[in-house]
Every structure is written in C-alpha cells, then in structure tokens.
C-alpha cells in the first residue's frame, strides 16, 4: 500500500493498494510503475 499526502489530500491521504501478493512482489510492482512513470 502506498499513501500520498499532498496539498490536494491534506487531511486524508490518497491510498493506492492492490491484492496481497506479498512484500517482495508488491515492492517490485510499485518500483516498476515508478520507473515507467518517470520515463514519460
């Protein structure tokens, strides 16, 4: 699960979560998504 606390969500952070695939798999997926977004 990833929480984004931003100016748009000051009181209640934006929560991004998915199915429970385990810590390693989830971390790899989040990292891949970040790398993909950084290339755009």
Protein backbone atom coordinates (compact mmCIF):
# COMPACT_ATOMS: atom_id res chain seq x y z
CA UNK A 1 0.00 0.00 0.00
CA UNK A 2 1.24 3.48 -0.84
CA UNK A 3 -0.11 6.68 0.72
CA UNK A 4 0.20 10.06 -0.97
CA UNK A 5 -0.15 13.08 1.32
CA UNK A 6 -0.32 16.12 -0.94
CA UNK A 7 -1.84 19.60 -0.98
CA UNK A 8 -4.84 18.09 -2.72
CA UNK A 9 -5.25 15.44 0.01
CA UNK A 10 -4.10 17.22 3.21
CA UNK A 11 -6.47 15.58 5.71
CA UNK A 12 -6.91 12.14 4.18
CA UNK A 13 -4.09 10.75 2.01
CA UNK A 14 -4.71 9.16 -1.35
CA UNK A 15 -4.35 5.40 -0.84
CA UNK A 16 -3.18 3.06 -3.58
CA UNK A 17 -3.36 -0.64 -2.78
CA UNK A 18 -3.69 -3.89 -4.56
CA UNK A 19 -4.17 -7.57 -3.94
CA UNK A 20 -1.92 -9.14 -1.34
CA UNK A 21 0.88 -10.56 -3.45
CA UNK A 22 3.48 -10.36 -0.69
CA UNK A 23 6.02 -7.69 0.17
CA UNK A 24 8.65 -8.55 -2.43
CA UNK A 25 6.24 -8.83 -5.34
CA UNK A 26 4.35 -5.68 -4.34
CA UNK A 27 7.57 -3.67 -3.94
CA UNK A 28 8.79 -4.82 -7.35
CA UNK A 29 5.48 -3.83 -8.94
CA UNK A 30 5.47 -0.39 -7.32
CA UNK A 31 9.08 0.17 -8.36
CA UNK A 32 8.31 -0.86 -11.95
CA UNK A 33 5.35 1.54 -12.01
CA UNK A 34 7.51 4.41 -10.71
CA UNK A 35 10.21 3.70 -13.31
CA UNK A 36 7.59 3.57 -16.07
CA UNK A 37 6.05 6.88 -14.94
CA UNK A 38 9.49 8.52 -14.78
CA UNK A 39 10.13 7.70 -18.45
CA UNK A 40 7.00 9.51 -19.66
